[in-house]
């Protein structure tokens, strides 16, 4: 039953904060709320990972309830309430715009643990049962971008393009920090191999419009000179355009090797299973788990899909592995401030400018976790996903143009 008495709610929340009862394996129920369904790469990845987490813990698939095609609206709250009413002790929502509605449900169901992917508010809500989670996917994007840069080098060496024609197209959904961090880390990975590369980004204003994503990719190729492509959206629109135009491409969330066998290089993806499994197991044991956490390569949360050797430049697999090893050891930092400038300044200089400080004060970063603008840039690199799990890198790197 939905909790409506405020006194009882406060008491229940206090009890939840002190201790939680263990949940027997056979009694455990898990709910998953998806923006789209398994036909979208983004949501398919969450669904696959949650099913794997449930299986790893010895739960039956009947103990998992998946709600698909839940928009970023009050319907997300309704879905969360329904899952709680149906006995789920754990509910996970997968889209940025779900967050406020999941917080509302969490405040009404203190006995249920809620996790939200890509969100930013868990640290500031004060709710013991609401969590944010993400992964250090910028590392995976950098490594995948490096494979793309090696392909550019091959194209230059073969005389297919000149150095100044090494233009990367990027189809992005929205100008969120998550998307900006994604194309920036991809670009830096590309430049790690091909220093002359530049990038043009076009936003679609939608996560799941295949026709628009394909049209945007076509425009990047035909009018903006893109000779390779990357993307951060949920459909196969961009890789389909690349296959039609014989343009090598790097994907996200899932492998596009079957969709674009002649042009797909590799994809980076978040493996959500380690986080989901940790959360469910903690609930079953009556233990708490982090309010806000970003897992990385060491935890198996950041992966690359299978390299398409028929498209990749010779030696790519070995060279990408070297980069992965350096990222894992900390020898290589994705946002090394010696490797890029911002408005002609070093990142250290830029974050001290009045414009940047004012933007930050006005909400450019999450005020709940932000201390000083310069605090993110130290030790020679920008510390992404350390102050909160969701990406917050949004510096406008020179060499990237918004089309």
Protein backbone atom coordinates (compact mmCIF):
# COMPACT_ATOMS: atom_id res chain seq x y z
CA UNK A 1 0.00 0.00 0.00
CA UNK A 2 1.10 3.52 -0.74
CA UNK A 3 2.34 5.40 2.34
CA UNK A 4 0.32 8.59 2.90
CA UNK A 5 0.60 9.35 6.62
CA UNK A 6 3.52 11.73 7.11
CA UNK A 7 4.28 10.59 10.67
CA UNK A 8 4.46 6.97 9.66
CA UNK A 9 6.57 7.97 6.66
CA UNK A 10 9.14 9.76 8.81
CA UNK A 11 9.35 6.83 11.23
CA UNK A 12 9.76 4.37 8.38
CA UNK A 13 12.51 6.45 6.81
CA UNK A 14 14.39 6.60 10.09
CA UNK A 15 14.13 2.86 10.53
CA UNK A 16 15.34 2.36 6.96
CA UNK A 17 18.34 4.55 7.66
CA UNK A 18 19.29 2.50 10.70
CA UNK A 19 18.88 -1.01 9.34
CA UNK A 20 17.18 -3.02 6.64
CA UNK A 21 15.85 -6.54 6.93
CA UNK A 22 17.41 -9.27 4.85
CA UNK A 23 15.39 -10.48 1.87
CA UNK A 24 15.27 -14.19 1.09
CA UNK A 25 16.30 -15.12 -2.44
CA UNK A 26 12.87 -16.49 -3.27
CA UNK A 27 11.19 -13.30 -2.07
CA UNK A 28 13.38 -10.84 -3.96
CA UNK A 29 11.68 -8.82 -6.70
CA UNK A 30 13.38 -6.36 -9.03
CA UNK A 31 11.87 -3.70 -11.27
CA UNK A 32 13.44 -2.02 -14.31
CA UNK A 33 12.06 1.13 -15.96
CA UNK A 34 13.23 1.79 -19.53
CA UNK A 35 12.75 4.85 -21.72
CA UNK A 36 12.40 2.68 -24.82
CA UNK A 37 12.44 -1.08 -25.31
CA UNK A 38 14.83 -3.80 -26.44
CA UNK A 39 14.73 -2.44 -30.00
CA UNK A 40 16.79 0.57 -28.89
CA UNK A 41 20.47 -0.13 -28.21
CA UNK A 42 20.52 2.01 -25.07
CA UNK A 43 17.66 0.20 -23.38
CA UNK A 44 18.62 -3.20 -24.77
CA UNK A 45 21.90 -2.87 -22.90
CA UNK A 46 20.13 -2.18 -19.58
CA UNK A 47 17.69 -5.04 -20.11
CA UNK A 48 20.44 -7.50 -20.97
CA UNK A 49 22.58 -6.41 -18.01
CA UNK A 50 19.72 -6.62 -15.51
CA UNK A 51 18.76 -10.09 -16.72
CA UNK A 52 22.39 -11.14 -16.31
CA UNK A 53 22.58 -9.69 -12.77
CA UNK A 54 19.41 -11.54 -11.78
CA UNK A 55 20.75 -14.78 -13.26
CA UNK A 56 24.14 -14.37 -11.56
CA UNK A 57 22.39 -14.15 -8.18
CA UNK A 58 20.36 -17.28 -8.83
CA UNK A 59 17.05 -15.47 -9.14
CA UNK A 60 14.37 -16.60 -11.54
CA UNK A 61 13.54 -14.30 -14.44
CA UNK A 62 9.96 -14.20 -13.11
CA UNK A 63 11.34 -12.17 -10.19
CA UNK A 64 12.20 -9.36 -12.62
CA UNK A 65 9.51 -6.95 -13.88
CA UNK A 66 10.52 -4.76 -16.83
CA UNK A 67 8.52 -1.71 -17.85
CA UNK A 68 9.41 -0.40 -21.32
CA UNK A 69 8.57 2.74 -23.30
CA UNK A 70 8.19 4.84 -20.16
CA UNK A 71 8.61 8.52 -21.14
CA UNK A 72 10.38 11.18 -19.08
CA UNK A 73 7.12 12.31 -17.54
CA UNK A 74 4.76 11.54 -14.66
CA UNK A 75 4.40 8.10 -16.22
CA UNK A 76 7.83 7.30 -14.77
CA UNK A 77 6.45 8.00 -11.27
CA UNK A 78 3.40 5.84 -12.01
CA UNK A 79 5.65 3.02 -13.21
CA UNK A 80 7.81 3.22 -10.07
CA UNK A 81 4.75 3.23 -7.80
CA UNK A 82 3.29 0.23 -9.60
CA UNK A 83 6.54 -1.71 -9.21
CA UNK A 84 6.69 -0.89 -5.51
CA UNK A 85 3.04 -1.88 -5.04
CA UNK A 86 3.79 -5.17 -6.80
CA UNK A 87 6.40 -6.00 -4.19
CA UNK A 88 9.68 -4.93 -5.79
CA UNK A 89 12.34 -4.22 -3.19
CA UNK A 90 14.57 -2.67 -5.85
CA UNK A 91 13.64 -0.40 -8.76
CA UNK A 92 16.11 0.86 -11.40
CA UNK A 93 15.30 3.61 -13.94
CA UNK A 94 17.50 4.12 -16.98
CA UNK A 95 16.96 7.64 -18.36
CA UNK A 96 18.10 11.11 -17.28
CA UNK A 97 14.63 12.65 -17.38
CA UNK A 98 13.16 9.97 -15.12
CA UNK A 99 15.06 11.26 -12.09
CA UNK A 100 12.60 13.69 -10.47
CA UNK A 101 9.76 11.19 -10.78
CA UNK A 102 11.83 8.40 -9.25
CA UNK A 103 12.80 10.70 -6.38
CA UNK A 104 9.10 11.37 -5.77
CA UNK A 105 8.40 7.63 -5.62
CA UNK A 106 11.42 7.01 -3.39
CA UNK A 107 10.17 9.60 -0.89
CA UNK A 108 6.87 7.70 -0.63
CA UNK A 109 8.30 4.19 -0.45
CA UNK A 110 11.23 4.28 2.00
CA UNK A 111 11.26 0.48 2.25
CA UNK A 112 12.13 0.21 -1.47
CA UNK A 113 15.60 0.99 -2.85
CA UNK A 114 15.65 3.04 -6.06
CA UNK A 115 18.58 3.52 -8.45
CA UNK A 116 18.73 5.97 -11.32
CA UNK A 117 21.24 5.97 -14.16
CA UNK A 118 22.91 9.22 -15.31
CA UNK A 119 21.28 11.38 -12.63
CA UNK A 120 22.80 14.02 -10.38
CA UNK A 121 20.57 14.52 -7.34
CA UNK A 122 21.13 11.55 -5.03
CA UNK A 123 23.70 13.34 -2.93
CA UNK A 124 21.39 16.31 -2.30
CA UNK A 125 18.01 14.62 -1.70
CA UNK A 126 18.87 13.25 1.72
CA UNK A 127 16.94 10.09 0.89
CA UNK A 128 18.55 6.88 2.17
CA UNK A 129 16.83 4.85 -0.54
CA UNK A 130 17.66 6.85 -3.67
CA UNK A 131 20.90 6.24 -5.57
CA UNK A 132 22.68 7.54 -8.68
CA UNK A 133 25.00 5.34 -10.71
CA UNK A 134 27.11 5.60 -13.81
CA UNK A 135 30.41 4.30 -15.17
CA UNK A 136 33.68 5.84 -16.33
CA UNK A 137 32.55 5.45 -19.92
CA UNK A 138 34.73 8.37 -21.00
CA UNK A 139 37.63 5.87 -20.78
CA UNK A 140 35.86 3.50 -23.16
CA UNK A 141 34.98 6.31 -25.53
CA UNK A 142 38.60 7.47 -25.55
CA UNK A 143 39.80 3.96 -26.45
CA UNK A 144 37.15 3.56 -29.15
CA UNK A 145 38.05 7.01 -30.48
CA UNK A 146 41.68 5.93 -30.61
CA UNK A 147 40.66 3.09 -32.95
CA UNK A 148 38.89 5.71 -35.08
CA UNK A 149 42.01 7.88 -35.11
CA UNK A 150 44.08 4.92 -36.30
CA UNK A 151 41.58 4.47 -39.13
CA UNK A 152 42.01 8.14 -40.07
CA UNK A 153 45.78 7.64 -40.16
CA UNK A 154 45.33 4.70 -42.52
CA UNK A 155 43.06 6.75 -44.78
CA UNK A 156 45.67 9.54 -44.85
CA UNK A 157 48.51 7.10 -45.58
CA UNK A 158 46.52 5.56 -48.43
CA UNK A 159 45.86 8.98 -49.96
CA UNK A 160 42.11 8.78 -49.49
CA UNK A 161 42.12 12.02 -47.48
CA UNK A 162 44.63 14.68 -46.54
CA UNK A 163 45.53 15.51 -42.94
CA UNK A 164 43.29 18.57 -42.93
CA UNK A 165 40.38 16.46 -44.23
CA UNK A 166 40.41 14.27 -41.09
CA UNK A 167 36.96 15.47 -40.03
CA UNK A 168 34.93 13.45 -37.54
CA UNK A 169 31.16 13.77 -37.53
CA UNK A 170 29.28 13.27 -34.26
CA UNK A 171 25.53 12.77 -33.86
CA UNK A 172 24.50 13.81 -30.34
CA UNK A 173 21.06 13.77 -28.77
CA UNK A 174 21.12 16.78 -26.42
CA UNK A 175 23.71 19.31 -25.19
CA UNK A 176 23.89 17.58 -21.80
CA UNK A 177 27.20 17.28 -19.98
CA UNK A 178 26.96 13.50 -20.49
CA UNK A 179 26.90 13.98 -24.27
CA UNK A 180 29.58 16.68 -24.19
CA UNK A 181 31.84 14.50 -22.06
CA UNK A 182 31.22 11.67 -24.51
CA UNK A 183 32.17 13.47 -27.69
CA UNK A 184 35.07 15.25 -25.97
CA UNK A 185 36.62 12.01 -24.73
CA UNK A 186 36.05 10.42 -28.14
CA UNK A 187 37.76 13.38 -29.81
CA UNK A 188 40.75 13.23 -27.46
CA UNK A 189 41.10 9.52 -28.19
CA UNK A 190 41.01 10.23 -31.92
CA UNK A 191 43.65 12.94 -31.56
CA UNK A 192 45.83 10.63 -29.48
CA UNK A 193 46.33 8.79 -32.77
CA UNK A 194 45.63 11.51 -35.34
CA UNK A 195 46.63 15.01 -34.13
CA UNK A 196 45.21 16.80 -37.19
CA UNK A 197 41.66 15.54 -36.60
CA UNK A 198 38.77 17.96 -36.04
CA UNK A 199 35.17 17.21 -35.03
CA UNK A 200 31.76 18.59 -36.00
CA UNK A 201 28.84 17.83 -33.64
CA UNK A 202 25.17 18.10 -34.54
CA UNK A 203 22.40 17.64 -31.97
CA UNK A 204 19.10 15.98 -32.85
CA UNK A 205 17.07 17.03 -29.80
CA UNK A 206 15.87 13.45 -29.39
CA UNK A 207 17.18 10.19 -27.98
CA UNK A 208 15.24 7.88 -30.23
CA UNK A 209 14.39 9.33 -33.66
CA UNK A 210 16.04 6.99 -36.15
CA UNK A 211 15.08 8.95 -39.24
CA UNK A 212 16.42 12.19 -37.75
CA UNK A 213 19.66 10.57 -36.59
CA UNK A 214 20.20 9.12 -40.07
CA UNK A 215 19.41 12.48 -41.68
CA UNK A 216 21.82 14.25 -39.30
CA UNK A 217 24.61 11.78 -40.07
CA UNK A 218 23.99 12.21 -43.80
CA UNK A 219 24.25 15.99 -43.41
CA UNK A 220 27.54 15.68 -41.50
CA UNK A 221 28.91 13.54 -44.32
CA UNK A 222 27.55 15.43 -47.33
CA UNK A 223 27.81 19.05 -46.22
CA UNK A 224 30.35 19.13 -43.39
CA UNK A 225 32.98 16.79 -44.76
CA UNK A 226 32.86 14.06 -42.13
CA UNK A 227 34.95 11.07 -43.25
CA UNK A 228 34.41 9.04 -40.05
CA UNK A 229 31.50 9.14 -37.58
CA UNK A 230 30.65 8.65 -33.92
CA UNK A 231 27.34 9.00 -32.11
CA UNK A 232 25.52 9.30 -28.81
CA UNK A 233 21.88 8.50 -29.49
CA UNK A 234 19.74 5.42 -29.12
CA UNK A 235 18.96 4.09 -32.61
CA UNK A 236 20.85 2.66 -35.58
CA UNK A 237 20.24 5.83 -37.63
CA UNK A 238 23.84 7.07 -37.68
CA UNK A 239 25.52 3.71 -38.44
CA UNK A 240 22.94 3.06 -41.16
CA UNK A 241 23.87 6.35 -42.83
CA UNK A 242 27.55 5.41 -42.51
CA UNK A 243 26.96 2.05 -44.15
CA UNK A 244 25.11 3.74 -47.02
CA UNK A 245 27.97 6.22 -47.50
CA UNK A 246 30.93 3.90 -46.81
CA UNK A 247 32.03 5.97 -43.80
CA UNK A 248 33.79 4.17 -40.90
CA UNK A 249 31.96 4.64 -37.61
CA UNK A 250 32.25 4.08 -33.87
CA UNK A 251 29.12 3.26 -31.89
CA UNK A 252 27.81 3.28 -28.35
CA UNK A 253 25.88 0.85 -26.12
CA UNK A 254 25.91 -2.09 -28.54
CA UNK A 255 27.96 -3.43 -31.42
CA UNK A 256 26.86 -2.19 -34.83
CA UNK A 257 28.88 -4.83 -36.69
CA UNK A 258 25.69 -6.57 -37.86
CA UNK A 259 23.97 -3.30 -38.81
CA UNK A 260 26.97 -1.85 -40.63
CA UNK A 261 29.32 -4.76 -41.43
CA UNK A 262 31.33 -2.78 -44.01
CA UNK A 263 31.88 0.34 -41.87
CA UNK A 264 31.41 -0.38 -38.15
CA UNK A 265 34.71 -0.28 -36.25
CA UNK A 266 33.92 -0.81 -32.59
CA UNK A 267 31.62 0.49 -29.84
CA UNK A 268 32.09 1.45 -26.22
CA UNK A 269 29.48 0.36 -23.73
CA UNK A 270 28.63 0.40 -20.06
CA UNK A 271 28.22 -3.01 -18.50
CA UNK A 272 25.61 -2.32 -15.84
CA UNK A 273 25.64 -5.87 -14.47
CA UNK A 274 28.33 -5.30 -11.78
CA UNK A 275 26.42 -2.34 -10.30
CA UNK A 276 23.00 -3.97 -10.54
CA UNK A 277 24.28 -7.19 -9.01
CA UNK A 278 25.96 -5.30 -6.17
CA UNK A 279 22.77 -3.37 -5.40
CA UNK A 280 20.47 -6.41 -5.45
CA UNK A 281 22.87 -8.51 -3.38
CA UNK A 282 23.19 -5.70 -0.82
CA UNK A 283 19.41 -5.53 -0.45
CA UNK A 284 19.19 -9.30 -0.03
CA UNK A 285 21.81 -9.10 2.73
CA UNK A 286 20.14 -6.14 4.42
CA UNK A 287 23.18 -3.97 3.73
CA UNK A 288 23.49 -0.44 2.41
CA UNK A 289 25.15 0.44 -0.90
CA UNK A 290 26.62 3.72 -2.20
CA UNK A 291 24.39 6.72 -2.72
CA UNK A 292 26.34 7.84 -5.79
CA UNK A 293 28.99 5.76 -7.52
CA UNK A 294 30.77 5.45 -10.85
CA UNK A 295 32.36 2.09 -11.63
CA UNK A 296 35.19 1.72 -14.12
CA UNK A 297 37.28 -0.75 -16.05
CA UNK A 298 38.61 -2.43 -12.93
CA UNK A 299 35.07 -3.40 -11.93
CA UNK A 300 34.17 -4.58 -15.44
CA UNK A 301 31.72 -1.70 -15.94
CA UNK A 302 33.39 -0.20 -19.03
CA UNK A 303 33.83 -2.37 -22.09
CA UNK A 304 34.57 -2.27 -25.80
CA UNK A 305 32.60 -4.45 -28.18
CA UNK A 306 34.31 -6.76 -30.64
CA UNK A 307 36.58 -4.96 -33.08
CA UNK A 308 35.59 -5.34 -36.73
CA UNK A 309 38.95 -6.44 -38.11
CA UNK A 310 37.66 -6.14 -41.70
CA UNK A 311 37.27 -2.36 -41.22
CA UNK A 312 39.88 -1.42 -38.63
CA UNK A 313 43.39 -0.32 -39.53
CA UNK A 314 46.08 -2.97 -39.28
CA UNK A 315 47.40 -3.41 -35.75
CA UNK A 316 44.42 -1.68 -34.12
CA UNK A 317 43.62 -4.46 -31.66
CA UNK A 318 47.11 -4.49 -30.18
CA UNK A 319 47.39 -0.70 -30.03
CA UNK A 320 43.96 -0.28 -28.41
CA UNK A 321 44.90 -2.85 -25.78
CA UNK A 322 48.00 -0.82 -24.97
CA UNK A 323 45.80 2.24 -24.43
CA UNK A 324 43.38 0.25 -22.27
CA UNK A 325 46.25 -0.95 -20.11
CA UNK A 326 47.51 2.62 -19.67
CA UNK A 327 44.03 3.87 -18.76
CA UNK A 328 43.59 1.08 -16.23
CA UNK A 329 46.94 1.79 -14.59
CA UNK A 330 46.44 5.56 -14.51
CA UNK A 331 49.47 6.16 -16.71
CA UNK A 332 47.13 7.75 -19.26
CA UNK A 333 44.43 10.25 -18.27
CA UNK A 334 41.64 10.92 -20.76
CA UNK A 335 41.34 14.62 -19.92
CA UNK A 336 45.06 15.30 -19.61
CA UNK A 337 45.13 19.12 -19.67
CA UNK A 338 48.37 19.18 -21.66
CA UNK A 339 46.56 17.64 -24.64
CA UNK A 340 43.86 20.25 -25.32
CA UNK A 341 43.01 23.93 -25.05
CA UNK A 342 39.77 25.80 -24.41
CA UNK A 343 39.18 29.11 -26.19
CA UNK A 344 42.91 29.25 -26.78
CA UNK A 345 43.70 28.82 -23.09
CA UNK A 346 44.93 25.90 -21.05
CA UNK A 347 42.14 24.30 -19.04
CA UNK A 348 43.81 25.57 -15.86
CA UNK A 349 43.59 29.13 -17.19
CA UNK A 350 40.07 28.74 -18.54
CA UNK A 351 38.46 27.53 -15.30
CA UNK A 352 39.75 30.66 -13.58
CA UNK A 353 38.07 33.05 -16.04
CA UNK A 354 35.15 35.16 -14.88
CA UNK A 355 32.82 33.75 -17.54
CA UNK A 356 33.49 30.18 -16.50
CA UNK A 357 33.14 30.90 -12.80
CA UNK A 358 29.85 32.70 -13.45
CA UNK A 359 28.51 29.84 -15.56
CA UNK A 360 29.39 27.45 -12.77
CA UNK A 361 27.71 29.61 -10.14
CA UNK A 362 24.57 29.63 -12.29
CA UNK A 363 24.36 25.85 -12.32
CA UNK A 364 26.84 24.76 -14.95
CA UNK A 365 27.81 22.03 -12.49
CA UNK A 366 25.80 20.31 -9.81
CA UNK A 367 25.97 22.75 -6.89
CA UNK A 368 25.50 19.91 -4.41
CA UNK A 369 28.86 18.40 -5.25
CA UNK A 370 30.71 21.34 -6.72
CA UNK A 371 33.32 23.04 -4.52
CA UNK A 372 35.38 25.32 -6.76
CA UNK A 373 35.64 25.40 -10.52
CA UNK A 374 39.37 24.83 -10.32
CA UNK A 375 38.80 21.85 -8.06
CA UNK A 376 38.00 19.67 -11.06
CA UNK A 377 41.28 20.53 -12.76
CA UNK A 378 44.26 19.43 -10.72
CA UNK A 379 47.28 17.13 -10.93
CA UNK A 380 47.40 17.79 -14.67
CA UNK A 381 43.98 16.49 -15.65
CA UNK A 382 40.24 17.09 -15.33
CA UNK A 383 38.81 14.74 -12.70
CA UNK A 384 35.72 13.41 -14.43
CA UNK A 385 33.16 11.32 -12.48
CA UNK A 386 34.97 11.69 -9.15
CA UNK A 387 32.73 14.30 -7.50
CA UNK A 388 29.54 12.68 -8.75
CA UNK A 389 28.86 9.62 -10.86
CA UNK A 390 27.17 11.40 -13.78
CA UNK A 391 29.59 13.04 -16.24
CA UNK A 392 30.11 16.76 -15.75
CA UNK A 393 32.90 17.58 -18.21
CA UNK A 394 31.52 20.36 -20.43
CA UNK A 395 34.54 22.42 -21.44
CA UNK A 396 34.35 23.57 -25.10
CA UNK A 397 37.56 21.98 -26.45
CA UNK A 398 39.26 23.71 -29.37
CA UNK A 399 38.96 21.62 -32.52
CA UNK A 400 35.33 20.68 -31.87
CA UNK A 401 32.62 22.69 -33.65
CA UNK A 402 28.91 22.55 -32.94
CA UNK A 403 27.23 22.45 -36.33
